[in-house]
Every structure is written in structure tokens, then in C-alpha cells.
């Protein structure tokens, strides 16, 4: 069965502990693509949810002390049930709090994929980083950063930017699709993290090809959305992106631009 077809057939349950700012956009994007998101906010249901979940997304975008406890419990139960975890260290380096909770969670739990933009991942690798909110940093090569994060944690690492880079135990991969309007809407990267969790979830573990297809499908849908709107503006683009995630099928992946090293 093809990847998108499989996603829609299995409709995997993806537990999303994510950014409050983007929950609606993330849920709609996942539903459009074919996954089944649940935006849990209660740590006492972690045991029940992780028995049914196909994957867990942890995004620290609007984390606080209570949400940190939720993340910790969800990740613990995910580990108990062999549920793959995608971790998105949004804004890492912007505050001591974000650094502290991320470092603790990464040390305590087995992560399937670390995904973030160049600025966050540059800081996570141990380099100095100057962040404005959670904006990305484009001056440093994404592949260089992905290598550094993988070298530090030994976990598959995805760095997003103009050219997305994925480093795994086996390969170094560049994905070159996408559109500049993705950087003009809030939550674009957060939705990508959730979709990647969905694609990995149907495999039951981290799968390199599934991660590549998740990134490529999302970025190709962004290209298609940008090509269909009458005015090149973020509001119209955001709506059309949801439509394209819903309308497209596996044949779109034939257009992906991927380099494997």
C-alpha cells in the first residue's frame, strides 16, 4: 500500500502535546492528510492514550511547568508502550526554561526523531544562537546542523529550512521542495512535526523513508497551494494548504526533490 493511501486507510491516532497557538491549524492539517489527532492536556489519561496511540508529538512551543509534567508523563507511557516520539524543541535557546525542560526530557526518554528549525537545532547542538521568538536561522547550513544534533544525541535529526536536512544512522538526506509562504504563517513547522509523527506512526517505529515522504508531501502541497491562490498572501495560502493536504495523493510524491548521501 502506498504511503498516503496507508495513512488514510489506517487513520492513526496521534497524540499531540503541542503549541497552544497552533492546535487548530495542526489538527485540521492532520485530519486533511488522513491522520487522527488528539490534543490532550491531561496527564492522568497518558496510560490510556498511549495504549491506543500510533505516535506521540511533543512540541514545547507554549510549555509551562504544568505542561512539562504532562509531556514527561506522556513520554514515559509512550516508552512503556513502544510508541514512537517526535520531539520539536520550539524556541530552544530563547530561555533557560526551554533549555532546561528540553535537556531533561531528552535525557529521560527514548526519542524517535528530533525535528526543529535551524536556529533551535543549532542551539540544541550546543552552539550559540540568537533567536527572535521562534524564528528560524538560515545563515547556517541545515545539513551541518543536523549532523551536529545527530552526533550529540544519536537520534535521527530533521532540520528545516530552505533545504530540509535529515540525518539518520544510515544516511544524510536533503529535501528541496517547499515555498517561501510557509515561513509567513505561524505553525507551519509545528504542523510538519505532527504530520511526520503520523507518517512514522503507521510504520510503528522511526522509518527514514516515511519521514522523507512526510516532509516532501507537506512541502509539495505547499508548492501546489501557492500556485493556486489568486493573491500570494499568507491567509489565502494557509487555507489552500489544508485543501491540498486533503486533495493530493501518493502520485504527488513523484515530484519530490530528494538527495541521499
Protein backbone atom coordinates (compact mmCIF):
# COMPACT_ATOMS: atom_id res chain seq x y z
CA UNK A 1 0.00 0.00 0.00
CA UNK A 2 1.27 3.47 -0.83
CA UNK A 3 2.15 5.91 1.94
CA UNK A 4 -0.73 8.42 1.73
CA UNK A 5 -3.18 5.66 0.98
CA UNK A 6 -1.94 3.77 4.03
CA UNK A 7 -2.23 6.86 6.22
CA UNK A 8 -5.85 7.38 5.20
CA UNK A 9 -6.71 3.69 5.47
CA UNK A 10 -5.24 3.28 8.96
CA UNK A 11 -6.16 6.76 10.23
CA UNK A 12 -3.55 6.55 13.02
CA UNK A 13 -4.22 8.15 16.39
CA UNK A 14 -1.51 10.75 17.03
CA UNK A 15 -1.36 12.28 20.48
CA UNK A 16 -0.21 15.88 20.14
CA UNK A 17 1.19 17.74 23.13
CA UNK A 18 1.73 20.89 21.17
CA UNK A 19 1.80 24.66 20.94
CA UNK A 20 -1.48 26.32 22.03
CA UNK A 21 -1.12 28.86 19.23
CA UNK A 22 -1.29 26.21 16.51
CA UNK A 23 -3.57 23.45 17.82
CA UNK A 24 -6.46 24.22 15.46
CA UNK A 25 -4.25 24.53 12.39
CA UNK A 26 -2.33 21.39 13.32
CA UNK A 27 -5.47 19.33 13.90
CA UNK A 28 -7.05 20.46 10.65
CA UNK A 29 -3.89 19.72 8.68
CA UNK A 30 -3.58 16.25 10.14
CA UNK A 31 -7.24 15.45 9.54
CA UNK A 32 -6.92 16.67 5.96
CA UNK A 33 -3.93 14.43 5.31
CA UNK A 34 -5.56 11.38 6.88
CA UNK A 35 -4.36 11.10 10.48
CA UNK A 36 -6.47 11.31 13.64
CA UNK A 37 -5.08 13.85 16.14
CA UNK A 38 -5.95 14.21 19.80
CA UNK A 39 -4.76 17.35 21.58
CA UNK A 40 -4.56 16.03 25.12
CA UNK A 41 -3.94 18.30 28.09
CA UNK A 42 -4.39 15.87 30.96
CA UNK A 43 -1.53 13.73 32.22
CA UNK A 44 -3.81 11.25 34.03
CA UNK A 45 -5.01 9.92 30.68
CA UNK A 46 -1.49 9.22 29.43
CA UNK A 47 -1.64 5.49 30.18
CA UNK A 48 -4.93 5.02 28.33
CA UNK A 49 -3.96 7.16 25.35
CA UNK A 50 -0.58 5.55 24.83
CA UNK A 51 -2.18 2.11 24.67
CA UNK A 52 -4.13 3.30 21.63
CA UNK A 53 -1.73 5.79 20.04
CA UNK A 54 0.36 5.20 16.94
CA UNK A 55 2.74 8.09 17.74
CA UNK A 56 3.32 10.97 20.14
CA UNK A 57 4.27 14.52 19.18
CA UNK A 58 5.84 16.68 21.88
CA UNK A 59 6.19 20.35 20.93
CA UNK A 60 7.41 22.77 23.62
CA UNK A 61 6.18 25.94 21.90
CA UNK A 62 3.95 27.15 24.75
CA UNK A 63 5.30 24.96 27.53
CA UNK A 64 4.91 25.80 31.20
CA UNK A 65 5.58 23.82 34.37
CA UNK A 66 2.24 22.01 34.21
CA UNK A 67 2.67 21.14 30.54
CA UNK A 68 6.19 19.94 31.25
CA UNK A 69 4.76 17.41 33.71
CA UNK A 70 2.23 16.38 31.05
CA UNK A 71 4.99 15.90 28.47
CA UNK A 72 7.10 13.89 30.88
CA UNK A 73 4.22 11.55 31.75
CA UNK A 74 3.11 11.11 28.13
CA UNK A 75 6.67 10.32 27.07
CA UNK A 76 7.05 7.83 29.91
CA UNK A 77 3.90 5.98 28.87
CA UNK A 78 4.92 6.15 25.21
CA UNK A 79 8.12 4.38 26.17
CA UNK A 80 6.19 1.76 28.11
CA UNK A 81 4.08 1.03 25.02
CA UNK A 82 6.77 1.35 22.32
CA UNK A 83 5.05 4.38 20.81
CA UNK A 84 7.42 6.45 18.63
CA UNK A 85 8.02 10.03 19.80
CA UNK A 86 8.67 13.07 17.60
CA UNK A 87 10.18 15.89 19.67
CA UNK A 88 10.05 19.52 18.48
CA UNK A 89 12.18 21.84 20.68
CA UNK A 90 10.42 25.04 19.61
CA UNK A 91 12.33 28.11 20.72
CA UNK A 92 15.17 26.16 22.28
CA UNK A 93 17.85 28.64 23.32
CA UNK A 94 15.40 31.51 23.78
CA UNK A 95 15.12 30.97 27.55
CA UNK A 96 16.68 28.96 30.34
CA UNK A 97 13.31 27.29 30.96
CA UNK A 98 13.07 25.91 27.41
CA UNK A 99 16.64 24.68 27.58
CA UNK A 100 16.10 23.03 30.96
CA UNK A 101 12.92 21.11 30.12
CA UNK A 102 14.22 20.02 26.74
CA UNK A 103 17.52 18.76 28.11
CA UNK A 104 15.70 16.87 30.86
CA UNK A 105 13.14 15.26 28.55
CA UNK A 106 15.76 14.22 26.01
CA UNK A 107 17.87 12.66 28.76
CA UNK A 108 14.96 10.76 30.32
CA UNK A 109 13.16 9.37 27.29
CA UNK A 110 13.84 7.50 24.06
CA UNK A 111 13.10 9.80 21.12
CA UNK A 112 12.41 8.56 17.59
CA UNK A 113 13.03 11.89 15.82
CA UNK A 114 14.17 15.36 16.85
CA UNK A 115 12.78 17.99 14.49
CA UNK A 116 13.30 21.74 14.55
CA UNK A 117 14.27 24.80 12.56
CA UNK A 118 17.86 25.84 12.05
CA UNK A 119 18.05 28.25 14.98
CA UNK A 120 16.58 25.84 17.52
CA UNK A 121 18.62 22.89 16.36
CA UNK A 122 21.81 24.95 16.17
CA UNK A 123 21.34 25.85 19.82
CA UNK A 124 20.40 22.26 20.72
CA UNK A 125 23.66 21.05 19.20
CA UNK A 126 25.48 23.25 21.71
CA UNK A 127 26.22 26.23 19.51
CA UNK A 128 25.45 29.83 20.42
CA UNK A 129 22.21 31.00 18.88
CA UNK A 130 20.39 34.32 18.76
CA UNK A 131 16.66 33.78 18.40
CA UNK A 132 13.88 36.26 17.79
CA UNK A 133 10.90 34.43 19.23
CA UNK A 134 10.90 31.10 17.43
CA UNK A 135 12.09 32.41 14.08
CA UNK A 136 14.43 30.23 12.08
CA UNK A 137 18.08 30.92 11.33
CA UNK A 138 19.07 30.46 7.70
CA UNK A 139 22.70 31.55 7.71
CA UNK A 140 23.99 28.14 8.78
CA UNK A 141 23.70 25.09 6.55
CA UNK A 142 20.87 22.80 7.65
CA UNK A 143 22.86 19.65 6.94
CA UNK A 144 25.74 20.85 9.10
CA UNK A 145 23.31 21.44 11.96
CA UNK A 146 21.54 18.10 11.50
CA UNK A 147 24.89 16.31 11.64
CA UNK A 148 25.76 18.13 14.86
CA UNK A 149 22.46 17.26 16.56
CA UNK A 150 22.70 13.64 15.46
CA UNK A 151 26.28 13.50 16.67
CA UNK A 152 25.27 14.79 20.10
CA UNK A 153 22.18 12.65 20.69
CA UNK A 154 22.46 9.70 18.31
CA UNK A 155 18.81 10.30 17.37
CA UNK A 156 17.51 10.87 13.80
CA UNK A 157 17.56 14.64 13.35
CA UNK A 158 15.49 16.77 10.97
CA UNK A 159 16.42 20.41 10.44
CA UNK A 160 14.00 22.53 8.43
CA UNK A 161 14.88 25.49 6.27
CA UNK A 162 15.03 26.43 2.62
CA UNK A 163 16.52 22.96 2.17
CA UNK A 164 15.44 20.46 4.81
CA UNK A 165 18.09 18.07 6.12
CA UNK A 166 17.64 14.66 7.76
CA UNK A 167 20.49 12.71 9.32
CA UNK A 168 19.95 9.11 10.42
CA UNK A 169 22.18 6.18 11.29
CA UNK A 170 22.27 5.17 7.62
CA UNK A 171 22.01 8.32 5.51
CA UNK A 172 22.21 12.07 5.17
CA UNK A 173 19.29 13.40 3.14
CA UNK A 174 18.41 16.79 1.64
CA UNK A 175 14.80 17.59 0.69
CA UNK A 176 14.41 20.64 -1.51
CA UNK A 177 10.68 21.18 -2.03
CA UNK A 178 8.57 23.88 -0.37
CA UNK A 179 7.53 27.51 -0.74
CA UNK A 180 8.53 30.77 0.94
CA UNK A 181 4.97 31.41 2.16
CA UNK A 182 5.42 28.57 4.64
CA UNK A 183 7.61 30.95 6.59
CA UNK A 184 4.87 33.60 6.66
CA UNK A 185 2.28 31.61 8.63
CA UNK A 186 2.51 30.61 12.27
CA UNK A 187 2.61 26.89 12.95
CA UNK A 188 3.94 25.74 9.60
CA UNK A 189 6.79 23.84 11.22
CA UNK A 190 4.56 22.63 14.05
CA UNK A 191 2.18 21.02 11.56
CA UNK A 192 5.11 19.40 9.79
CA UNK A 193 6.20 17.82 13.06
CA UNK A 194 2.70 16.44 13.61
CA UNK A 195 2.42 15.08 10.07
CA UNK A 196 5.81 13.44 10.41
CA UNK A 197 4.57 11.75 13.57
CA UNK A 198 1.60 10.49 11.58
CA UNK A 199 3.75 9.06 8.80
CA UNK A 200 6.08 7.40 11.31
CA UNK A 201 3.11 6.18 13.32
CA UNK A 202 1.77 3.97 10.55
CA UNK A 203 5.13 2.19 10.49
CA UNK A 204 5.15 1.68 14.27
CA UNK A 205 8.72 2.97 14.64
CA UNK A 206 11.06 5.53 13.12
CA UNK A 207 11.25 4.92 9.39
CA UNK A 208 13.59 7.03 7.29
CA UNK A 209 11.54 6.76 4.11
CA UNK A 210 8.35 7.67 5.98
CA UNK A 211 9.99 10.80 7.41
CA UNK A 212 11.24 11.83 3.97
CA UNK A 213 7.79 11.29 2.46
CA UNK A 214 6.15 13.32 5.25
CA UNK A 215 8.41 16.31 4.64
CA UNK A 216 8.17 16.01 0.87
CA UNK A 217 4.39 15.60 0.80
CA UNK A 218 3.90 18.61 3.05
CA UNK A 219 6.26 20.79 1.04
CA UNK A 220 4.82 19.69 -2.29
CA UNK A 221 1.33 20.52 -1.01
CA UNK A 222 2.70 23.95 -0.06
CA UNK A 223 4.01 24.43 -3.60
CA UNK A 224 0.64 23.40 -5.03
CA UNK A 225 -1.22 25.71 -2.65
CA UNK A 226 0.95 28.69 -3.55
CA UNK A 227 0.33 28.01 -7.22
CA UNK A 228 -3.46 28.08 -6.86
CA UNK A 229 -4.14 31.18 -4.80
CA UNK A 230 -5.08 34.36 -6.67
CA UNK A 231 -3.05 36.59 -4.37
CA UNK A 232 0.31 35.49 -3.00
CA UNK A 233 -0.56 36.18 0.64
CA UNK A 234 -0.37 34.09 3.82
CA UNK A 235 -4.08 33.99 4.70
CA UNK A 236 -5.15 32.51 1.39
CA UNK A 237 -2.12 30.24 1.38
CA UNK A 238 -2.92 28.76 4.79
CA UNK A 239 -6.44 27.80 3.74
CA UNK A 240 -5.30 26.36 0.43
CA UNK A 241 -2.55 24.36 2.14
CA UNK A 242 -5.16 22.48 4.19
CA UNK A 243 -7.10 21.79 0.98
CA UNK A 244 -4.01 20.49 -0.80
CA UNK A 245 -3.16 18.15 2.08
CA UNK A 246 -6.65 16.72 1.63
CA UNK A 247 -6.85 16.63 -2.17
CA UNK A 248 -3.48 15.16 -3.12
CA UNK A 249 -2.47 11.50 -3.25
CA UNK A 250 0.68 9.41 -3.48
CA UNK A 251 1.25 10.45 -7.08
CA UNK A 252 2.33 13.88 -5.81
CA UNK A 253 5.40 12.28 -4.21
CA UNK A 254 6.72 11.51 -7.68
CA UNK A 255 7.68 15.21 -7.83
CA UNK A 256 9.77 15.21 -4.65
CA UNK A 257 13.32 16.54 -4.87
CA UNK A 258 15.49 14.40 -2.60
CA UNK A 259 19.25 13.89 -2.46
CA UNK A 260 20.66 10.99 -0.42
CA UNK A 261 24.31 10.96 0.63
